[in-house]
Amino acid sequence: MKALLLVMLALAAAVGLATALLLRSATAAGVQQAEATPDAAAGSFYDLNTRTLAGEPAALDLYKGKVTLVVNTASKCGLTPQYEGLEKLHRELSGAGFVVLGFPSNDFMGQEPGTPEEIRAFCDTKYQVTFPLFEKVAVKGDGKCDLYRFLTAGGLEEPTWNFTKYLVGRDGHVIARFGPRTAPDDPELRTAIDTALAHR
């Protein structure tokens, strides 16, 4: 009986260690899961309002019922080629109820200095971006915009660099955060998107 108890304790310790290592690995890779039970009082991402890149008012309820990948973008960053993968992802899955939303930000070493017209021209010419782009916003620190306050309200880390990604479910609650170096074709990101799309 004592031997069985010792085996069970050793097994529990091993499971605990494995879980801790997996969580550490996910965090190191820049992936954070949001809380499984979001606070209903916090509202929905799709209740928020912003402005288009052209400066027109934009209500995010236009995307209600879709799975959304929110990305802070920049035109002069080493990760800027991710625009290509984001556009590919958007075109491939838009028919299934998925959308990429781009929010240019100049928060990281001034890597998005352009005017709205310059950003639009760059995205159109270089990457043929068709997914929605919105006004340039602050995504970190005390001055971050309401949209990014919402995205990080559940304990997820704010963007640490350009092209940080937040996955939002059809219900408007944040599912997970993916770090800047998580490529648009990353298998873990794609699995999370497909899983979210399967929930109706």
N, C-alpha and C. Protein backbone atom coordinates (compact mmCIF):
# COMPACT_ATOMS: atom_id res chain seq x y z
N MET A 1 0.83 -1.20 0.00
CA MET A 1 0.00 0.00 0.00
C MET A 1 0.87 1.25 0.00
N LYS A 2 1.92 1.22 0.85
CA LYS A 2 2.83 2.36 0.94
C LYS A 2 3.56 2.56 -0.38
N ALA A 3 3.96 1.45 -1.02
CA ALA A 3 4.66 1.53 -2.30
C ALA A 3 3.75 2.14 -3.37
N LEU A 4 2.48 1.74 -3.36
CA LEU A 4 1.52 2.28 -4.33
C LEU A 4 1.33 3.78 -4.12
N LEU A 5 1.28 4.20 -2.88
CA LEU A 5 1.13 5.63 -2.56
C LEU A 5 2.33 6.41 -3.07
N LEU A 6 3.53 5.85 -2.87
CA LEU A 6 4.75 6.51 -3.34
C LEU A 6 4.75 6.64 -4.86
N VAL A 7 4.29 5.60 -5.55
CA VAL A 7 4.23 5.63 -7.01
C VAL A 7 3.24 6.71 -7.46
N MET A 8 2.10 6.77 -6.79
CA MET A 8 1.08 7.77 -7.15
C MET A 8 1.60 9.18 -6.93
N LEU A 9 2.32 9.40 -5.82
CA LEU A 9 2.88 10.73 -5.55
C LEU A 9 3.93 11.10 -6.59
N ALA A 10 4.76 10.13 -6.97
CA ALA A 10 5.79 10.39 -7.98
C ALA A 10 5.16 10.72 -9.32
N LEU A 11 4.07 10.01 -9.66
CA LEU A 11 3.37 10.25 -10.92
C LEU A 11 2.74 11.65 -10.92
N ALA A 12 2.14 12.05 -9.81
CA ALA A 12 1.53 13.38 -9.70
C ALA A 12 2.58 14.46 -9.86
N ALA A 13 3.75 14.25 -9.24
CA ALA A 13 4.83 15.23 -9.34
C ALA A 13 5.32 15.35 -10.79
N ALA A 14 5.42 14.20 -11.46
CA ALA A 14 5.87 14.21 -12.85
C ALA A 14 4.89 14.94 -13.75
N VAL A 15 3.60 14.71 -13.54
CA VAL A 15 2.56 15.39 -14.33
C VAL A 15 2.63 16.90 -14.08
N GLY A 16 2.80 17.27 -12.82
CA GLY A 16 2.89 18.69 -12.49
C GLY A 16 4.09 19.35 -13.15
N LEU A 17 5.23 18.67 -13.14
CA LEU A 17 6.44 19.19 -13.77
C LEU A 17 6.24 19.32 -15.27
N ALA A 18 5.65 18.32 -15.89
CA ALA A 18 5.41 18.36 -17.34
C ALA A 18 4.49 19.52 -17.71
N THR A 19 3.45 19.74 -16.91
CA THR A 19 2.52 20.85 -17.17
C THR A 19 3.23 22.18 -17.06
N ALA A 20 4.07 22.33 -16.03
CA ALA A 20 4.80 23.58 -15.84
C ALA A 20 5.74 23.85 -17.01
N LEU A 21 6.40 22.79 -17.48
CA LEU A 21 7.32 22.94 -18.61
C LEU A 21 6.58 23.32 -19.88
N LEU A 22 5.41 22.73 -20.10
CA LEU A 22 4.61 23.07 -21.27
C LEU A 22 4.16 24.52 -21.23
N LEU A 23 3.72 24.97 -20.05
CA LEU A 23 3.28 26.36 -19.91
C LEU A 23 4.44 27.31 -20.12
N ARG A 24 5.62 26.96 -19.59
CA ARG A 24 6.79 27.81 -19.78
C ARG A 24 7.17 27.87 -21.24
N SER A 25 7.10 26.73 -21.93
CA SER A 25 7.41 26.69 -23.36
C SER A 25 6.46 27.55 -24.16
N ALA A 26 5.16 27.48 -23.85
CA ALA A 26 4.17 28.29 -24.57
C ALA A 26 4.42 29.77 -24.35
N THR A 27 4.75 30.15 -23.09
CA THR A 27 5.00 31.55 -22.82
C THR A 27 6.25 32.02 -23.54
N ALA A 28 7.29 31.18 -23.56
CA ALA A 28 8.53 31.55 -24.27
C ALA A 28 8.27 31.73 -25.74
N ALA A 29 7.35 30.96 -26.30
CA ALA A 29 7.02 31.08 -27.72
C ALA A 29 6.10 32.25 -27.99
N GLY A 30 5.69 32.94 -26.93
CA GLY A 30 4.85 34.11 -27.11
C GLY A 30 3.37 33.81 -27.18
N VAL A 31 2.97 32.62 -26.76
CA VAL A 31 1.55 32.25 -26.80
C VAL A 31 0.99 32.31 -25.39
N GLN A 32 -0.09 33.05 -25.24
CA GLN A 32 -0.78 33.12 -23.95
C GLN A 32 -2.24 32.81 -24.18
N GLN A 33 -2.80 31.95 -23.36
CA GLN A 33 -4.22 31.65 -23.42
C GLN A 33 -4.97 32.61 -22.50
N ALA A 34 -6.09 33.12 -22.97
CA ALA A 34 -6.93 33.95 -22.12
C ALA A 34 -7.67 33.06 -21.14
N GLU A 35 -8.26 33.67 -20.12
CA GLU A 35 -9.03 32.90 -19.15
C GLU A 35 -10.17 32.18 -19.87
N ALA A 36 -10.44 30.96 -19.45
CA ALA A 36 -11.46 30.14 -20.12
C ALA A 36 -12.86 30.69 -19.92
N THR A 37 -13.08 31.40 -18.80
CA THR A 37 -14.41 31.93 -18.52
C THR A 37 -14.33 33.45 -18.42
N PRO A 38 -14.47 34.16 -19.55
CA PRO A 38 -14.37 35.61 -19.52
C PRO A 38 -15.52 36.24 -18.73
N ASP A 39 -15.23 37.38 -18.15
CA ASP A 39 -16.23 38.11 -17.38
C ASP A 39 -17.25 38.73 -18.33
N ALA A 40 -18.51 38.33 -18.22
CA ALA A 40 -19.54 38.84 -19.12
C ALA A 40 -19.69 40.35 -19.00
N ALA A 41 -19.38 40.89 -17.81
CA ALA A 41 -19.51 42.32 -17.60
C ALA A 41 -18.47 43.10 -18.41
N ALA A 42 -17.42 42.42 -18.83
CA ALA A 42 -16.36 43.10 -19.59
C ALA A 42 -16.82 43.45 -20.99
N GLY A 43 -17.95 42.88 -21.41
CA GLY A 43 -18.47 43.20 -22.73
C GLY A 43 -17.79 42.41 -23.83
N SER A 44 -17.95 42.89 -25.05
CA SER A 44 -17.45 42.20 -26.23
C SER A 44 -16.55 43.13 -27.03
N PHE A 45 -15.57 42.55 -27.66
CA PHE A 45 -14.70 43.30 -28.57
C PHE A 45 -15.53 44.01 -29.64
N TYR A 46 -16.61 43.36 -30.03
CA TYR A 46 -17.44 43.90 -31.10
C TYR A 46 -18.36 45.04 -30.65
N ASP A 47 -18.29 45.38 -29.35
CA ASP A 47 -19.02 46.55 -28.86
C ASP A 47 -18.22 47.83 -29.03
N LEU A 48 -16.93 47.69 -29.37
CA LEU A 48 -16.04 48.84 -29.43
C LEU A 48 -16.15 49.60 -30.75
N ASN A 49 -15.70 50.83 -30.70
CA ASN A 49 -15.67 51.68 -31.90
C ASN A 49 -14.25 52.18 -32.13
N THR A 50 -13.92 52.41 -33.37
CA THR A 50 -12.60 52.93 -33.72
C THR A 50 -12.77 53.81 -34.96
N ARG A 51 -11.69 53.99 -35.70
CA ARG A 51 -11.75 54.74 -36.95
C ARG A 51 -11.00 53.97 -38.03
N THR A 52 -11.46 54.11 -39.25
CA THR A 52 -10.76 53.49 -40.37
C THR A 52 -9.44 54.20 -40.60
N LEU A 53 -8.61 53.64 -41.44
CA LEU A 53 -7.34 54.27 -41.78
C LEU A 53 -7.57 55.64 -42.40
N ALA A 54 -8.69 55.80 -43.07
CA ALA A 54 -9.03 57.09 -43.69
C ALA A 54 -9.63 58.08 -42.70
N GLY A 55 -9.82 57.65 -41.44
CA GLY A 55 -10.31 58.55 -40.41
C GLY A 55 -11.80 58.56 -40.21
N GLU A 56 -12.51 57.66 -40.87
CA GLU A 56 -13.96 57.59 -40.72
C GLU A 56 -14.33 56.74 -39.50
N PRO A 57 -15.42 57.11 -38.78
CA PRO A 57 -15.86 56.27 -37.65
C PRO A 57 -16.14 54.84 -38.11
N ALA A 58 -15.75 53.89 -37.28
CA ALA A 58 -15.95 52.47 -37.61
C ALA A 58 -16.39 51.72 -36.37
N ALA A 59 -17.54 51.06 -36.46
CA ALA A 59 -18.04 50.23 -35.37
C ALA A 59 -17.62 48.79 -35.62
N LEU A 60 -17.00 48.18 -34.61
CA LEU A 60 -16.52 46.82 -34.79
C LEU A 60 -17.63 45.78 -34.78
N ASP A 61 -18.87 46.21 -34.51
CA ASP A 61 -19.96 45.24 -34.56
C ASP A 61 -20.21 44.73 -35.98
N LEU A 62 -19.57 45.37 -36.94
CA LEU A 62 -19.61 44.87 -38.32
C LEU A 62 -19.04 43.45 -38.40
N TYR A 63 -18.15 43.11 -37.47
CA TYR A 63 -17.47 41.81 -37.48
C TYR A 63 -18.04 40.85 -36.45
N LYS A 64 -19.12 41.22 -35.82
CA LYS A 64 -19.75 40.36 -34.81
C LYS A 64 -20.10 39.02 -35.43
N GLY A 65 -19.79 37.94 -34.72
CA GLY A 65 -20.07 36.61 -35.23
C GLY A 65 -18.92 36.01 -36.02
N LYS A 66 -17.87 36.80 -36.24
CA LYS A 66 -16.69 36.30 -36.94
C LYS A 66 -15.59 35.97 -35.93
N VAL A 67 -14.61 35.22 -36.39
CA VAL A 67 -13.39 35.02 -35.63
C VAL A 67 -12.39 36.04 -36.16
N THR A 68 -11.78 36.79 -35.26
CA THR A 68 -10.96 37.93 -35.65
C THR A 68 -9.53 37.79 -35.14
N LEU A 69 -8.57 38.13 -36.00
CA LEU A 69 -7.17 38.20 -35.59
C LEU A 69 -6.77 39.67 -35.65
N VAL A 70 -6.51 40.25 -34.47
CA VAL A 70 -6.16 41.66 -34.35
C VAL A 70 -4.63 41.78 -34.30
N VAL A 71 -4.06 42.60 -35.18
CA VAL A 71 -2.61 42.69 -35.31
C VAL A 71 -2.17 44.15 -35.33
N ASN A 72 -1.17 44.50 -34.52
CA ASN A 72 -0.57 45.84 -34.60
C ASN A 72 0.54 45.79 -35.66
N THR A 73 0.37 46.57 -36.71
CA THR A 73 1.25 46.47 -37.88
C THR A 73 2.21 47.64 -37.96
N ALA A 74 3.23 47.48 -38.81
CA ALA A 74 4.22 48.53 -39.05
C ALA A 74 4.85 48.30 -40.42
N SER A 75 5.19 49.39 -41.08
CA SER A 75 5.70 49.31 -42.45
C SER A 75 7.22 49.21 -42.56
N LYS A 76 7.94 49.53 -41.47
CA LYS A 76 9.40 49.58 -41.53
C LYS A 76 10.04 48.69 -40.48
N CYS A 77 9.49 47.50 -40.34
CA CYS A 77 9.94 46.55 -39.32
C CYS A 77 10.48 45.29 -40.00
N GLY A 78 11.37 44.61 -39.31
CA GLY A 78 11.87 43.35 -39.85
C GLY A 78 10.79 42.31 -40.01
N LEU A 79 9.67 42.49 -39.30
CA LEU A 79 8.55 41.55 -39.38
C LEU A 79 7.48 41.99 -40.37
N THR A 80 7.71 43.12 -41.05
CA THR A 80 6.71 43.64 -42.00
C THR A 80 6.31 42.62 -43.07
N PRO A 81 7.21 41.74 -43.53
CA PRO A 81 6.78 40.72 -44.51
C PRO A 81 5.65 39.82 -44.01
N GLN A 82 5.34 39.85 -42.71
CA GLN A 82 4.19 39.08 -42.22
C GLN A 82 2.88 39.56 -42.86
N TYR A 83 2.88 40.78 -43.40
CA TYR A 83 1.70 41.25 -44.12
C TYR A 83 1.27 40.23 -45.17
N GLU A 84 2.25 39.65 -45.85
CA GLU A 84 1.94 38.69 -46.91
C GLU A 84 1.19 37.48 -46.37
N GLY A 85 1.68 36.92 -45.26
CA GLY A 85 1.02 35.77 -44.67
C GLY A 85 -0.33 36.10 -44.07
N LEU A 86 -0.45 37.29 -43.50
CA LEU A 86 -1.73 37.71 -42.94
C LEU A 86 -2.77 37.85 -44.04
N GLU A 87 -2.35 38.43 -45.17
CA GLU A 87 -3.28 38.58 -46.30
C GLU A 87 -3.70 37.22 -46.84
N LYS A 88 -2.74 36.30 -46.92
CA LYS A 88 -3.06 34.94 -47.40
C LYS A 88 -4.06 34.26 -46.48
N LEU A 89 -3.84 34.39 -45.18
CA LEU A 89 -4.73 33.80 -44.18
C LEU A 89 -6.12 34.42 -44.30
N HIS A 90 -6.17 35.72 -44.44
CA HIS A 90 -7.45 36.44 -44.56
C HIS A 90 -8.23 35.97 -45.80
N ARG A 91 -7.54 35.88 -46.92
CA ARG A 91 -8.23 35.48 -48.15
C ARG A 91 -8.69 34.02 -48.08
N GLU A 92 -7.87 33.18 -47.49
CA GLU A 92 -8.21 31.75 -47.43
C GLU A 92 -9.42 31.47 -46.54
N LEU A 93 -9.52 32.19 -45.42
CA LEU A 93 -10.52 31.83 -44.42
C LEU A 93 -11.68 32.81 -44.31
N SER A 94 -11.67 33.88 -45.10
CA SER A 94 -12.73 34.88 -44.96
C SER A 94 -14.11 34.29 -45.23
N GLY A 95 -14.18 33.33 -46.15
CA GLY A 95 -15.46 32.70 -46.46
C GLY A 95 -15.99 31.85 -45.32
N ALA A 96 -15.12 31.48 -44.38
CA ALA A 96 -15.52 30.66 -43.24
C ALA A 96 -15.90 31.51 -42.03
N GLY A 97 -15.82 32.84 -42.18
CA GLY A 97 -16.17 33.71 -41.06
C GLY A 97 -14.98 34.21 -40.28
N PHE A 98 -13.85 34.40 -40.96
CA PHE A 98 -12.61 34.87 -40.32
C PHE A 98 -12.19 36.19 -40.94
N VAL A 99 -11.62 37.06 -40.11
CA VAL A 99 -11.12 38.34 -40.62
C VAL A 99 -9.86 38.75 -39.86
N VAL A 100 -8.92 39.34 -40.58
CA VAL A 100 -7.75 39.97 -39.97
C VAL A 100 -8.06 41.46 -39.89
N LEU A 101 -7.78 42.08 -38.74
CA LEU A 101 -7.92 43.51 -38.57
C LEU A 101 -6.56 44.10 -38.22
N GLY A 102 -6.07 45.01 -39.05
CA GLY A 102 -4.76 45.61 -38.84
C GLY A 102 -4.84 46.99 -38.22
N PHE A 103 -4.05 47.19 -37.16
CA PHE A 103 -3.99 48.48 -36.49
C PHE A 103 -2.55 48.98 -36.51
N PRO A 104 -2.22 49.85 -37.47
CA PRO A 104 -0.85 50.40 -37.52
C PRO A 104 -0.51 51.08 -36.20
N SER A 105 0.74 50.95 -35.79
CA SER A 105 1.19 51.57 -34.55
C SER A 105 2.64 52.01 -34.70
N ASN A 106 2.95 53.16 -34.15
CA ASN A 106 4.31 53.70 -34.20
C ASN A 106 5.01 53.55 -32.85
N ASP A 107 4.52 52.63 -32.02
CA ASP A 107 5.01 52.50 -30.65
C ASP A 107 6.39 51.87 -30.52
N PHE A 108 6.86 51.19 -31.54
CA PHE A 108 8.11 50.45 -31.41
C PHE A 108 9.17 51.03 -32.34
N MET A 109 10.03 51.86 -31.76
CA MET A 109 11.15 52.48 -32.47
C MET A 109 10.72 53.25 -33.72
N GLY A 110 9.52 53.80 -33.68
CA GLY A 110 9.06 54.66 -34.78
C GLY A 110 8.99 53.95 -36.12
N GLN A 111 8.59 52.66 -36.10
CA GLN A 111 8.63 51.87 -37.32
C GLN A 111 7.34 51.97 -38.16
N GLU A 112 6.41 52.83 -37.72
CA GLU A 112 5.26 53.15 -38.57
C GLU A 112 5.08 54.67 -38.57
N PRO A 113 5.98 55.39 -39.25
CA PRO A 113 5.94 56.85 -39.22
C PRO A 113 5.00 57.46 -40.25
N GLY A 114 4.49 56.66 -41.17
CA GLY A 114 3.76 57.19 -42.32
C GLY A 114 2.41 57.80 -41.99
N THR A 115 1.95 58.61 -42.93
CA THR A 115 0.59 59.14 -42.87
C THR A 115 -0.37 58.01 -43.26
N PRO A 116 -1.66 58.18 -43.00
CA PRO A 116 -2.62 57.17 -43.45
C PRO A 116 -2.51 56.88 -44.94
N GLU A 117 -2.31 57.92 -45.73
CA GLU A 117 -2.18 57.74 -47.18
C GLU A 117 -0.94 56.93 -47.54
N GLU A 118 0.16 57.19 -46.83
CA GLU A 118 1.40 56.45 -47.09
C GLU A 118 1.28 55.00 -46.67
N ILE A 119 0.63 54.76 -45.54
CA ILE A 119 0.42 53.38 -45.07
C ILE A 119 -0.44 52.61 -46.07
N ARG A 120 -1.54 53.23 -46.52
CA ARG A 120 -2.43 52.59 -47.48
C ARG A 120 -1.71 52.28 -48.78
N ALA A 121 -0.93 53.25 -49.28
CA ALA A 121 -0.21 53.04 -50.54
C ALA A 121 0.82 51.92 -50.40
N PHE A 122 1.52 51.88 -49.27
CA PHE A 122 2.51 50.83 -49.02
C PHE A 122 1.85 49.46 -49.00
N CYS A 123 0.76 49.34 -48.24
CA CYS A 123 0.09 48.05 -48.11
C CYS A 123 -0.52 47.59 -49.44
N ASP A 124 -1.06 48.53 -50.21
CA ASP A 124 -1.66 48.19 -51.50
C ASP A 124 -0.59 47.76 -52.50
N THR A 125 0.49 48.51 -52.57
CA THR A 125 1.51 48.29 -53.58
C THR A 125 2.40 47.10 -53.27
N LYS A 126 2.84 47.02 -52.03
CA LYS A 126 3.83 46.00 -51.65
C LYS A 126 3.19 44.64 -51.36
N TYR A 127 2.02 44.65 -50.70
CA TYR A 127 1.45 43.38 -50.23
C TYR A 127 0.00 43.13 -50.68
N GLN A 128 -0.56 44.04 -51.45
CA GLN A 128 -1.94 43.90 -51.94
C GLN A 128 -2.91 43.53 -50.80
N VAL A 129 -2.81 44.29 -49.71
CA VAL A 129 -3.62 44.02 -48.53
C VAL A 129 -5.08 44.35 -48.78
N THR A 130 -5.95 43.39 -48.53
CA THR A 130 -7.39 43.62 -48.65
C THR A 130 -8.10 43.57 -47.29
N PHE A 131 -7.41 43.07 -46.25
CA PHE A 131 -8.07 43.04 -44.95
C PHE A 131 -8.15 44.46 -44.39
N PRO A 132 -9.13 44.72 -43.52
CA PRO A 132 -9.35 46.08 -43.03
C PRO A 132 -8.16 46.63 -42.23
N LEU A 133 -7.81 47.87 -42.53
CA LEU A 133 -6.79 48.60 -41.77
C LEU A 133 -7.47 49.79 -41.10
N PHE A 134 -7.04 50.06 -39.88
CA PHE A 134 -7.66 51.12 -39.10
C PHE A 134 -6.65 52.21 -38.76
N GLU A 135 -7.11 53.21 -38.04
CA GLU A 135 -6.25 54.34 -37.72
C GLU A 135 -5.04 53.89 -36.90
N LYS A 136 -3.98 54.69 -36.98
CA LYS A 136 -2.79 54.42 -36.20
C LYS A 136 -3.14 54.61 -34.72
N VAL A 137 -2.76 53.65 -33.88
CA VAL A 137 -3.13 53.69 -32.47
C VAL A 137 -1.92 53.40 -31.58
N ALA A 138 -2.05 53.76 -30.31
CA ALA A 138 -1.09 53.37 -29.29
C ALA A 138 -1.55 52.03 -28.72
N VAL A 139 -0.62 51.08 -28.61
CA VAL A 139 -0.99 49.73 -28.19
C VAL A 139 -0.36 49.31 -26.87
N LYS A 140 0.41 50.20 -26.26
CA LYS A 140 1.07 49.83 -24.99
C LYS A 140 1.17 51.04 -24.08
N GLY A 141 1.42 50.76 -22.81
CA GLY A 141 1.63 51.82 -21.83
C GLY A 141 0.34 52.50 -21.40
N ASP A 142 0.51 53.57 -20.65
CA ASP A 142 -0.64 54.28 -20.10
C ASP A 142 -1.52 54.89 -21.18
N GLY A 143 -0.93 55.21 -22.32
CA GLY A 143 -1.69 55.88 -23.38
C GLY A 143 -2.33 54.95 -24.39
N LYS A 144 -2.29 53.64 -24.13
CA LYS A 144 -2.84 52.73 -25.14
C LYS A 144 -4.34 52.94 -25.33
N CYS A 145 -4.79 52.70 -26.54
CA CYS A 145 -6.18 52.98 -26.90
C CYS A 145 -7.13 51.99 -26.21
N ASP A 146 -8.41 52.36 -26.21
CA ASP A 146 -9.42 51.53 -25.54
C ASP A 146 -9.46 50.11 -26.09
N LEU A 147 -9.25 49.98 -27.39
CA LEU A 147 -9.30 48.66 -28.02
C LEU A 147 -8.22 47.74 -27.43
N TYR A 148 -7.00 48.27 -27.28
CA TYR A 148 -5.93 47.44 -26.72
C TYR A 148 -6.05 47.30 -25.20
N ARG A 149 -6.74 48.24 -24.56
CA ARG A 149 -7.05 48.04 -23.14
C ARG A 149 -7.98 46.84 -22.98
N PHE A 150 -8.94 46.73 -23.90
CA PHE A 150 -9.86 45.59 -23.86
C PHE A 150 -9.10 44.29 -24.11
N LEU A 151 -8.25 44.28 -25.13
CA LEU A 151 -7.55 43.05 -25.50
C LEU A 151 -6.67 42.52 -24.37
N THR A 152 -6.15 43.42 -23.54
CA THR A 152 -5.23 43.01 -22.48
C THR A 152 -5.88 43.02 -21.09
N ALA A 153 -7.18 43.32 -21.02
CA ALA A 153 -7.86 43.44 -19.72
C ALA A 153 -7.92 42.12 -18.97
N GLY A 154 -7.91 41.00 -19.68
CA GLY A 154 -8.02 39.70 -19.03
C GLY A 154 -6.70 39.12 -18.56
N GLY A 155 -5.66 39.95 -18.53
CA GLY A 155 -4.37 39.48 -18.05
C GLY A 155 -3.38 39.13 -19.14
N LEU A 156 -3.79 39.24 -20.40
CA LEU A 156 -2.85 38.97 -21.48
C LEU A 156 -1.85 40.13 -21.59
N GLU A 157 -0.64 39.80 -21.95
CA GLU A 157 0.42 40.80 -22.08
C GLU A 157 0.13 41.75 -23.23
N GLU A 158 0.45 43.00 -23.05
CA GLU A 158 0.29 43.96 -24.15
C GLU A 158 1.36 43.68 -25.20
N PRO A 159 1.22 44.22 -26.40
CA PRO A 159 2.22 43.97 -27.44
C PRO A 159 3.62 44.33 -26.99
N THR A 160 4.56 43.46 -27.30
CA THR A 160 5.96 43.71 -26.99
C THR A 160 6.74 44.15 -28.23
N TRP A 161 6.08 44.06 -29.38
CA TRP A 161 6.69 44.49 -30.64
C TRP A 161 5.58 44.51 -31.70
N ASN A 162 5.94 44.99 -32.88
CA ASN A 162 4.99 44.97 -33.99
C ASN A 162 4.58 43.54 -34.33
N PHE A 163 3.37 43.40 -34.82
CA PHE A 163 2.81 42.13 -35.29
C PHE A 163 2.52 41.13 -34.16
N THR A 164 2.23 41.67 -32.96
CA THR A 164 1.64 40.84 -31.91
C THR A 164 0.19 40.56 -32.32
N LYS A 165 -0.28 39.37 -32.04
CA LYS A 165 -1.60 38.94 -32.55
C LYS A 165 -2.52 38.52 -31.40
N TYR A 166 -3.76 39.00 -31.46
CA TYR A 166 -4.79 38.61 -30.49
C TYR A 166 -5.92 37.94 -31.26
N LEU A 167 -6.28 36.74 -30.83
CA LEU A 167 -7.36 36.00 -31.46
C LEU A 167 -8.64 36.22 -30.67
N VAL A 168 -9.68 36.70 -31.35
CA VAL A 168 -10.96 37.00 -30.72
C VAL A 168 -12.02 36.06 -31.31
N GLY A 169 -12.81 35.45 -30.43
CA GLY A 169 -13.83 34.50 -30.87
C GLY A 169 -15.08 35.17 -31.40
N ARG A 170 -15.97 34.36 -31.90
CA ARG A 170 -17.23 34.87 -32.47
C ARG A 170 -18.06 35.64 -31.44
N ASP A 171 -17.87 35.32 -30.15
CA ASP A 171 -18.63 35.98 -29.09
C ASP A 171 -17.99 37.28 -28.64
N GLY A 172 -16.86 37.65 -29.24
CA GLY A 172 -16.21 38.91 -28.89
C GLY A 172 -15.26 38.84 -27.72
N HIS A 173 -15.01 37.63 -27.21
CA HIS A 173 -14.07 37.47 -26.11
C HIS A 173 -12.70 37.03 -26.65
N VAL A 174 -11.66 37.53 -26.01
CA VAL A 174 -10.30 37.24 -26.44
C VAL A 174 -9.94 35.81 -26.06
N ILE A 175 -9.43 35.07 -27.05
CA ILE A 175 -9.08 33.66 -26.84
C ILE A 175 -7.62 33.51 -26.44
N ALA A 176 -6.73 34.17 -27.18
CA ALA A 176 -5.30 33.99 -26.94
C ALA A 176 -4.49 35.12 -27.55
N ARG A 177 -3.27 35.26 -27.07
CA ARG A 177 -2.29 36.21 -27.61
C ARG A 177 -1.14 35.41 -28.20
N PHE A 178 -0.70 35.81 -29.37
CA PHE A 178 0.44 35.19 -30.03
C PHE A 178 1.52 36.25 -30.24
N GLY A 179 2.74 35.91 -29.90
CA GLY A 179 3.83 36.87 -29.97
C GLY A 179 4.16 37.34 -31.37
N PRO A 180 4.94 38.42 -31.47
CA PRO A 180 5.27 39.02 -32.77
C PRO A 180 5.90 38.04 -33.76
N ARG A 181 6.72 37.14 -33.27
CA ARG A 181 7.43 36.23 -34.18
C ARG A 181 6.61 35.00 -34.55
N THR A 182 5.39 34.90 -34.04
CA THR A 182 4.49 33.83 -34.47
C THR A 182 4.03 34.17 -35.88
N ALA A 183 4.49 33.40 -36.84
CA ALA A 183 4.16 33.68 -38.25
C ALA A 183 2.70 33.37 -38.53
N PRO A 184 2.11 34.03 -39.51
CA PRO A 184 0.71 33.76 -39.84
C PRO A 184 0.42 32.30 -40.21
N ASP A 185 1.44 31.58 -40.68
CA ASP A 185 1.23 30.17 -41.03
C ASP A 185 1.68 29.22 -39.93
N ASP A 186 1.91 29.74 -38.73
CA ASP A 186 2.32 28.91 -37.60
C ASP A 186 1.24 27.87 -37.30
N PRO A 187 1.60 26.60 -37.16
CA PRO A 187 0.60 25.55 -36.94
C PRO A 187 -0.25 25.77 -35.68
N GLU A 188 0.36 26.28 -34.61
CA GLU A 188 -0.39 26.49 -33.38
C GLU A 188 -1.42 27.60 -33.56
N LEU A 189 -1.04 28.66 -34.26
CA LEU A 189 -1.99 29.74 -34.55
C LEU A 189 -3.12 29.22 -35.42
N ARG A 190 -2.77 28.47 -36.45
CA ARG A 190 -3.80 27.96 -37.36
C ARG A 190 -4.76 27.02 -36.64
N THR A 191 -4.26 26.19 -35.77
CA THR A 191 -5.12 25.30 -35.00
C THR A 191 -6.08 26.09 -34.13
N ALA A 192 -5.57 27.16 -33.50
CA ALA A 192 -6.42 27.99 -32.65
C ALA A 192 -7.51 28.67 -33.48
N ILE A 193 -7.17 29.13 -34.67
CA ILE A 193 -8.16 29.77 -35.54
C ILE A 193 -9.21 28.75 -35.97
N ASP A 194 -8.77 27.57 -36.41
CA ASP A 194 -9.71 26.55 -36.87
C ASP A 194 -10.65 26.11 -35.75
N THR A 195 -10.11 25.99 -34.54
CA THR A 195 -10.92 25.60 -33.37
C THR A 195 -11.97 26.67 -33.09
N ALA A 196 -11.56 27.94 -33.16
CA ALA A 196 -12.50 29.04 -32.92
C ALA A 196 -13.58 29.08 -34.00
N LEU A 197 -13.21 28.82 -35.25
CA LEU A 197 -14.17 28.81 -36.33
C LEU A 197 -15.20 27.69 -36.18
N ALA A 198 -14.79 26.61 -35.55
CA ALA A 198 -15.68 25.46 -35.37
C ALA A 198 -16.76 25.73 -34.33
N HIS A 199 -16.55 26.72 -33.47
CA HIS A 199 -17.54 27.06 -32.45
C HIS A 199 -18.53 28.08 -33.00
N ARG A 200 -19.79 27.72 -33.00
CA ARG A 200 -20.82 28.63 -33.53
C ARG A 200 -21.82 29.01 -32.46
